[in-house]
Amino acid sequence: MMPKRPAPHTLYAFEAAARLNSFSKAANELQITQPAVSRAIAALETELGEQLFQRSGPTIRLTQKGSELSSVLSDAFHAVDGLLARWRAQRDRSSVLLSISSSMASHWLIPRLFEFRQIFPDVDLRFELIAGAVGDGPVLADLGLRRWEAGRTTSRETLYLPEIIQPMASPEYLRRTVSLDNPTSRRPHTLISLTDHWCDWETFSKRSGFALPKGCKHLHFSDYSVALESAINGQGVVLGWLSVTSRLIRSGKLLAASDTFLASGANYNLLTNDLYPPSDLVQKVRRWMQNEVRSDLLEIQKSKQSFTFAGKVALAAAEDRTAGW
């Protein structure tokens, strides 16, 4: 009888923490919270009946058992990466495998598929969807959107958009409750939150200087696409990542619920698989995505005054990093 394997998320958390020698760095790469990484590893240790890390305050060190498991997982993941890369390199070059979050696919790319087909009529576009927020993990697809922390140098070739976060809500919701910046709101606000995400409302408030409304209610979701759908349907205010919501803002489905925004300093980059060189087609698709989001920002500045300053910050950051992208 085959032994029961541990839950995949516990193995991913352990592998990242062991490779990076840090629970916090693992959380950043996986785009979850540090406590979520700690819980996953603790669950793995309990299931295996073995201590994998020696902990001393913020310092961690692999035990002998942990080193053995880390070596096996590292070799296994690398072997899988190499095999998939070889398969993808052998594919018909008229196909492009795109690795993005499910929320970006639903709310940014799918509404543009008609335009995409006009420009790339013969391209077989495939998706590798990431259920949560994109982190800084390896790109195994032809092209993948990944988040790079502040301070990491990006380039004209890879930059998609700087990370900008702003409270957003539907026009219907704002007619009922008015802006978060208005202290005379007629009814309590509902704040839509993501579970186990590095930027919750409290973090946004601390880093941006935004004052959370008093007496607010909360809705919690584990999937950002569902959280956005909830906001679009007038059920509350969501923290909107401009990298995902630019199309929704441009179409008027979401509006700024506050003039406050957070420019985190992180950047989203469209990266190719480093195990094989990108084809001309992959590079053309990347340039198309970069141009599309830039077009969104330029149009938003013309008609959505609440987003003008945030949009200028994003464009200025892009211009500065890409020297005329």
Protein backbone atom coordinates (compact mmCIF):
# COMPACT_ATOMS: atom_id res chain seq x y z
CA MET A 1 0.00 0.00 0.00
CA MET A 2 1.39 3.37 -1.05
CA PRO A 3 2.06 5.72 1.90
CA LYS A 4 -0.06 8.85 1.99
CA ARG A 5 1.82 11.81 0.58
CA PRO A 6 1.76 15.14 2.46
CA ALA A 7 -0.46 17.93 1.16
CA PRO A 8 1.25 19.66 -1.82
CA HIS A 9 1.06 23.13 -0.27
CA THR A 10 3.10 21.95 2.74
CA LEU A 11 5.83 20.60 0.47
CA TYR A 12 5.93 23.81 -1.57
CA ALA A 13 6.21 25.88 1.62
CA PHE A 14 8.97 23.65 2.98
CA GLU A 15 10.95 23.59 -0.29
CA ALA A 16 10.86 27.39 -0.60
CA ALA A 17 11.80 27.96 3.06
CA ALA A 18 14.65 25.43 2.86
CA ARG A 19 15.99 26.86 -0.40
CA LEU A 20 15.78 30.48 0.77
CA ASN A 21 16.64 29.72 4.41
CA SER A 22 13.83 31.99 5.53
CA PHE A 23 10.12 31.67 6.24
CA SER A 24 9.62 35.34 5.33
CA LYS A 25 11.38 35.04 1.96
CA ALA A 26 9.39 31.88 1.25
CA ALA A 27 6.18 33.79 2.02
CA ASN A 28 7.18 36.57 -0.40
CA GLU A 29 7.96 34.08 -3.16
CA LEU A 30 4.73 32.14 -2.66
CA GLN A 31 2.73 35.37 -2.14
CA ILE A 32 1.24 34.24 1.18
CA THR A 33 1.82 35.41 4.72
CA GLN A 34 4.72 34.30 6.89
CA PRO A 35 2.31 32.73 9.44
CA ALA A 36 0.78 30.70 6.61
CA VAL A 37 4.23 29.32 5.74
CA SER A 38 4.88 28.52 9.40
CA ARG A 39 1.55 26.71 9.70
CA ALA A 40 2.18 24.68 6.53
CA ILE A 41 5.62 23.57 7.71
CA ALA A 42 4.35 22.79 11.20
CA ALA A 43 1.60 20.65 9.63
CA LEU A 44 4.20 18.85 7.52
CA GLU A 45 6.38 18.17 10.56
CA THR A 46 3.38 16.84 12.47
CA GLU A 47 2.35 14.58 9.60
CA LEU A 48 5.87 13.22 9.10
CA GLY A 49 6.60 12.97 12.81
CA GLU A 50 9.97 14.64 12.22
CA GLN A 51 11.44 18.05 13.02
CA LEU A 52 12.60 19.63 9.77
CA PHE A 53 13.91 22.97 11.05
CA GLN A 54 15.69 24.09 14.17
CA ARG A 55 14.22 27.45 15.15
CA SER A 56 15.94 30.12 17.21
CA GLY A 57 13.96 33.35 17.02
CA PRO A 58 13.99 34.57 13.41
CA THR A 59 16.85 32.18 12.54
CA ILE A 60 16.09 28.75 11.07
CA ARG A 61 18.38 25.85 10.22
CA LEU A 62 17.60 22.55 8.55
CA THR A 63 17.86 19.43 10.65
CA GLN A 64 19.43 16.31 9.16
CA LYS A 65 15.98 15.02 8.22
CA GLY A 66 15.11 18.41 6.78
CA SER A 67 18.28 18.43 4.67
CA GLU A 68 17.46 15.00 3.29
CA LEU A 69 13.92 16.02 2.33
CA SER A 70 15.11 19.35 0.88
CA SER A 71 17.65 17.61 -1.35
CA VAL A 72 15.07 15.13 -2.67
CA LEU A 73 12.45 17.83 -3.33
CA SER A 74 14.99 20.13 -5.00
CA ASP A 75 16.12 17.38 -7.36
CA ALA A 76 12.53 16.36 -8.10
CA PHE A 77 11.32 19.89 -8.81
CA HIS A 78 14.35 20.59 -11.01
CA ALA A 79 13.78 17.38 -12.97
CA VAL A 80 10.12 18.26 -13.54
CA ASP A 81 11.09 21.80 -14.60
CA GLY A 82 13.61 20.47 -17.10
CA LEU A 83 11.20 17.93 -18.58
CA LEU A 84 8.40 20.46 -19.01
CA ALA A 85 10.81 22.95 -20.54
CA ARG A 86 11.94 20.39 -23.12
CA TRP A 87 8.33 19.56 -23.97
CA ARG A 88 7.44 23.20 -24.40
CA ALA A 89 10.50 23.93 -26.49
CA GLN A 90 9.42 21.15 -28.88
CA ARG A 91 5.92 22.52 -29.33
CA ASP A 92 4.66 24.17 -32.43
CA ARG A 93 6.02 27.71 -32.19
CA SER A 94 2.62 29.10 -33.10
CA SER A 95 1.52 28.37 -29.53
CA VAL A 96 2.21 30.48 -26.43
CA LEU A 97 1.80 29.17 -22.89
CA LEU A 98 1.04 32.08 -20.57
CA SER A 99 1.43 31.79 -16.77
CA ILE A 100 -0.71 34.39 -14.99
CA SER A 101 -3.10 34.57 -12.06
CA SER A 102 -6.67 33.40 -12.54
CA SER A 103 -7.86 36.91 -11.65
CA MET A 104 -5.76 38.49 -14.38
CA ALA A 105 -6.99 35.95 -16.89
CA SER A 106 -10.63 36.60 -15.95
CA HIS A 107 -10.58 40.37 -15.62
CA TRP A 108 -7.70 41.60 -17.78
CA LEU A 109 -7.00 39.16 -20.61
CA ILE A 110 -10.26 37.41 -21.49
CA PRO A 111 -12.05 40.74 -22.20
CA ARG A 112 -9.27 41.45 -24.74
CA LEU A 113 -9.31 38.12 -26.56
CA PHE A 114 -11.14 39.56 -29.57
CA GLU A 115 -8.41 42.20 -30.00
CA PHE A 116 -5.76 39.55 -29.43
CA ARG A 117 -7.24 37.35 -32.18
CA GLN A 118 -7.23 40.28 -34.60
CA ILE A 119 -3.50 40.75 -34.09
CA PHE A 120 -2.54 37.08 -33.63
CA PRO A 121 -5.14 35.16 -35.67
CA ASP A 122 -3.15 31.91 -35.88
CA VAL A 123 -1.77 31.77 -32.34
CA ASP A 124 -2.80 28.98 -30.01
CA LEU A 125 -2.91 30.78 -26.64
CA ARG A 126 -2.72 28.44 -23.64
CA PHE A 127 -2.89 29.19 -19.94
CA GLU A 128 -1.13 28.04 -16.80
CA LEU A 129 -3.32 29.68 -14.16
CA ILE A 130 -2.07 30.55 -10.69
CA ALA A 131 -4.86 30.29 -8.12
CA GLY A 132 -3.42 32.93 -5.78
CA ALA A 133 -1.35 36.04 -6.34
CA VAL A 134 1.69 35.64 -8.55
CA GLY A 135 4.95 35.49 -6.65
CA ASP A 136 8.57 35.30 -7.70
CA GLY A 137 8.65 31.61 -8.50
CA PRO A 138 10.21 30.14 -11.64
CA VAL A 139 8.52 30.59 -15.00
CA LEU A 140 7.92 27.19 -16.59
CA ALA A 141 5.63 28.55 -19.29
CA ASP A 142 6.72 30.50 -22.38
CA LEU A 143 5.78 33.75 -20.65
CA GLY A 144 4.83 34.43 -17.05
CA LEU A 145 3.85 37.43 -14.96
CA ARG A 146 5.88 37.58 -11.74
CA ARG A 147 6.14 40.07 -8.89
CA TRP A 148 9.57 41.43 -7.99
CA GLU A 149 10.11 43.08 -4.61
CA ALA A 150 11.18 46.72 -4.31
CA GLY A 151 14.86 47.25 -4.95
CA ARG A 152 15.25 44.54 -7.54
CA THR A 153 16.39 45.90 -10.88
CA THR A 154 13.95 45.43 -13.72
CA SER A 155 14.36 46.19 -17.41
CA ARG A 156 12.66 47.70 -20.41
CA GLU A 157 12.19 44.24 -21.86
CA THR A 158 10.42 42.64 -18.89
CA LEU A 159 8.52 45.39 -17.04
CA TYR A 160 4.75 45.08 -17.14
CA LEU A 161 3.64 47.56 -14.46
CA PRO A 162 4.74 48.88 -11.05
CA GLU A 163 2.57 47.62 -8.19
CA ILE A 164 -0.11 50.15 -7.26
CA ILE A 165 -3.00 49.29 -4.93
CA GLN A 166 -6.11 51.43 -4.47
CA PRO A 167 -9.54 50.85 -2.86
CA MET A 168 -12.13 50.18 -5.58
CA ALA A 169 -15.87 49.65 -5.70
CA SER A 170 -18.69 49.52 -8.22
CA PRO A 171 -20.63 52.66 -9.21
CA GLU A 172 -23.73 51.11 -7.61
CA TYR A 173 -21.96 50.61 -4.29
CA LEU A 174 -20.60 54.17 -4.25
CA ARG A 175 -24.06 55.58 -4.96
CA ARG A 176 -25.31 53.82 -1.84
CA THR A 177 -22.44 54.55 0.51
CA VAL A 178 -20.28 57.31 -1.07
CA SER A 179 -16.48 57.43 -0.97
CA LEU A 180 -14.38 56.03 1.86
CA ASP A 181 -12.91 59.54 2.12
CA ASN A 182 -16.32 60.99 3.04
CA PRO A 183 -16.86 60.82 6.83
CA THR A 184 -20.62 61.29 6.41
CA SER A 185 -21.29 57.94 4.75
CA ARG A 186 -24.96 57.03 5.04
CA ARG A 187 -24.29 53.41 5.93
CA PRO A 188 -21.33 51.31 7.14
CA HIS A 189 -18.87 50.19 4.54
CA THR A 190 -18.11 46.56 3.70
CA LEU A 191 -14.43 45.81 3.17
CA ILE A 192 -13.62 42.82 0.96
CA SER A 193 -10.46 41.03 2.08
CA LEU A 194 -8.16 38.29 0.85
CA THR A 195 -7.19 35.64 3.37
CA ASP A 196 -3.49 34.95 3.92
CA HIS A 197 -2.34 37.81 1.67
CA TRP A 198 0.55 40.12 2.49
CA CYS A 199 -1.51 43.26 1.83
CA ASP A 200 -4.71 43.22 3.85
CA TRP A 201 -6.67 46.33 4.80
CA GLU A 202 -4.68 46.88 7.97
CA THR A 203 -1.38 46.70 6.08
CA PHE A 204 -2.72 49.01 3.38
CA SER A 205 -3.81 51.48 6.06
CA LYS A 206 -0.41 51.49 7.78
CA ARG A 207 1.65 51.81 4.62
CA SER A 208 -0.51 54.36 2.81
CA GLY A 209 -1.73 56.47 5.75
CA PHE A 210 -5.35 55.58 4.95
CA ALA A 211 -7.80 55.75 7.88
CA LEU A 212 -9.99 52.67 8.00
CA PRO A 213 -13.72 53.49 8.30
CA LYS A 214 -15.33 52.88 11.66
CA GLY A 215 -17.97 50.23 12.14
CA CYS A 216 -17.23 48.52 8.83
CA LYS A 217 -18.26 44.99 7.95
CA HIS A 218 -16.01 42.42 6.30
CA LEU A 219 -16.17 39.84 3.54
CA HIS A 220 -13.31 37.36 3.24
CA PHE A 221 -12.32 35.40 0.11
CA SER A 222 -9.36 33.18 -0.66
CA ASP A 223 -9.45 33.91 -4.41
CA TYR A 224 -8.86 37.40 -5.81
CA SER A 225 -11.01 36.82 -8.88
CA VAL A 226 -14.00 36.08 -6.64
CA ALA A 227 -13.20 39.12 -4.49
CA LEU A 228 -13.25 41.31 -7.61
CA GLU A 229 -16.55 39.80 -8.76
CA SER A 230 -18.00 40.59 -5.34
CA ALA A 231 -16.92 44.22 -5.69
CA ILE A 232 -18.20 44.46 -9.28
CA ASN A 233 -21.58 43.25 -8.01
CA GLY A 234 -21.77 46.05 -5.45
CA GLN A 235 -21.08 44.03 -2.33
CA GLY A 236 -18.20 46.07 -0.92
CA VAL A 237 -14.86 47.79 -1.40
CA VAL A 238 -11.87 45.75 -2.55
CA LEU A 239 -8.18 46.55 -2.65
CA GLY A 240 -7.54 46.78 -6.37
CA TRP A 241 -4.20 45.95 -7.96
CA LEU A 242 -3.87 48.21 -11.01
CA SER A 243 -2.05 45.41 -12.83
CA VAL A 244 -5.27 43.36 -12.80
CA THR A 245 -8.02 45.99 -12.66
CA SER A 246 -6.95 48.45 -15.36
CA ARG A 247 -9.52 47.09 -17.82
CA LEU A 248 -12.27 47.14 -15.17
CA ILE A 249 -11.51 50.79 -14.38
CA ARG A 250 -11.33 51.75 -18.04
CA SER A 251 -14.74 50.15 -18.68
CA GLY A 252 -16.30 51.79 -15.62
CA LYS A 253 -17.06 48.56 -13.77
CA LEU A 254 -14.91 49.69 -10.86
CA LEU A 255 -14.23 53.20 -9.57
CA ALA A 256 -11.90 54.61 -6.95
CA ALA A 257 -13.47 54.31 -3.50
CA SER A 258 -10.72 56.54 -2.09
CA ASP A 259 -8.08 58.86 -3.49
CA THR A 260 -5.49 57.11 -1.31
CA PHE A 261 -3.28 54.55 -3.03
CA LEU A 262 -0.19 52.54 -2.21
CA ALA A 263 2.80 52.41 -4.55
CA SER A 264 4.67 49.53 -2.90
CA GLY A 265 7.85 49.84 -4.95
CA ALA A 266 7.46 46.28 -6.25
CA ASN A 267 7.13 45.60 -9.97
CA TYR A 268 5.32 43.07 -12.13
CA ASN A 269 7.46 41.61 -14.89
CA LEU A 270 6.65 39.48 -17.91
CA LEU A 271 9.41 36.86 -17.82
CA THR A 272 10.32 34.13 -20.27
CA ASN A 273 11.40 30.60 -19.43
CA ASP A 274 15.15 30.75 -18.82
CA LEU A 275 15.61 27.11 -19.87
CA TYR A 276 15.15 28.02 -23.53
CA PRO A 277 15.25 31.27 -25.52
CA PRO A 278 11.93 33.01 -26.24
CA SER A 279 10.61 32.87 -29.79
CA ASP A 280 9.82 36.02 -31.76
CA LEU A 281 6.14 35.25 -31.19
CA VAL A 282 6.53 35.13 -27.40
CA GLN A 283 8.32 38.48 -27.45
CA LYS A 284 5.56 39.98 -29.62
CA VAL A 285 2.88 38.75 -27.19
CA ARG A 286 4.82 40.28 -24.30
CA ARG A 287 5.06 43.64 -26.08
CA TRP A 288 1.33 43.48 -26.84
CA MET A 289 0.51 42.99 -23.14
CA GLN A 290 2.81 45.84 -22.14
CA ASN A 291 1.25 48.16 -24.69
CA GLU A 292 -2.28 47.17 -23.66
CA VAL A 293 -1.80 48.03 -19.99
CA ARG A 294 -0.09 51.29 -20.94
CA SER A 295 -3.05 52.15 -23.16
CA ASP A 296 -5.38 51.45 -20.23
CA LEU A 297 -3.51 53.87 -17.99
CA LEU A 298 -3.49 56.62 -20.60
CA GLU A 299 -7.25 56.25 -21.15
CA ILE A 300 -7.98 56.10 -17.40
CA GLN A 301 -6.19 59.41 -16.90
CA LYS A 302 -8.46 61.06 -19.45
CA SER A 303 -11.76 60.03 -17.88
CA LYS A 304 -11.28 58.70 -14.34
CA GLN A 305 -10.02 61.61 -12.27
CA SER A 306 -9.70 59.61 -9.05
CA PHE A 307 -7.08 57.44 -10.71
CA THR A 308 -5.15 60.22 -12.45
CA PHE A 309 -2.41 60.56 -9.86
CA ALA A 310 -1.98 56.81 -9.33
CA GLY A 311 -1.83 56.32 -13.08
CA LYS A 312 0.79 59.03 -13.43
CA VAL A 313 2.89 57.36 -10.76
CA ALA A 314 2.69 54.03 -12.60
CA LEU A 315 3.55 55.55 -15.95
CA ALA A 316 6.35 57.66 -14.51
CA ALA A 317 7.84 54.61 -12.82
CA ALA A 318 7.59 52.66 -16.05
CA GLU A 319 9.16 55.47 -18.05
CA ASP A 320 11.96 55.85 -15.52
CA ARG A 321 12.78 52.14 -15.50
CA THR A 322 12.46 51.54 -19.20
CA ALA A 323 13.90 54.75 -20.67
CA GLY A 324 11.11 55.27 -23.15
CA TRP A 325 9.35 51.91 -23.18
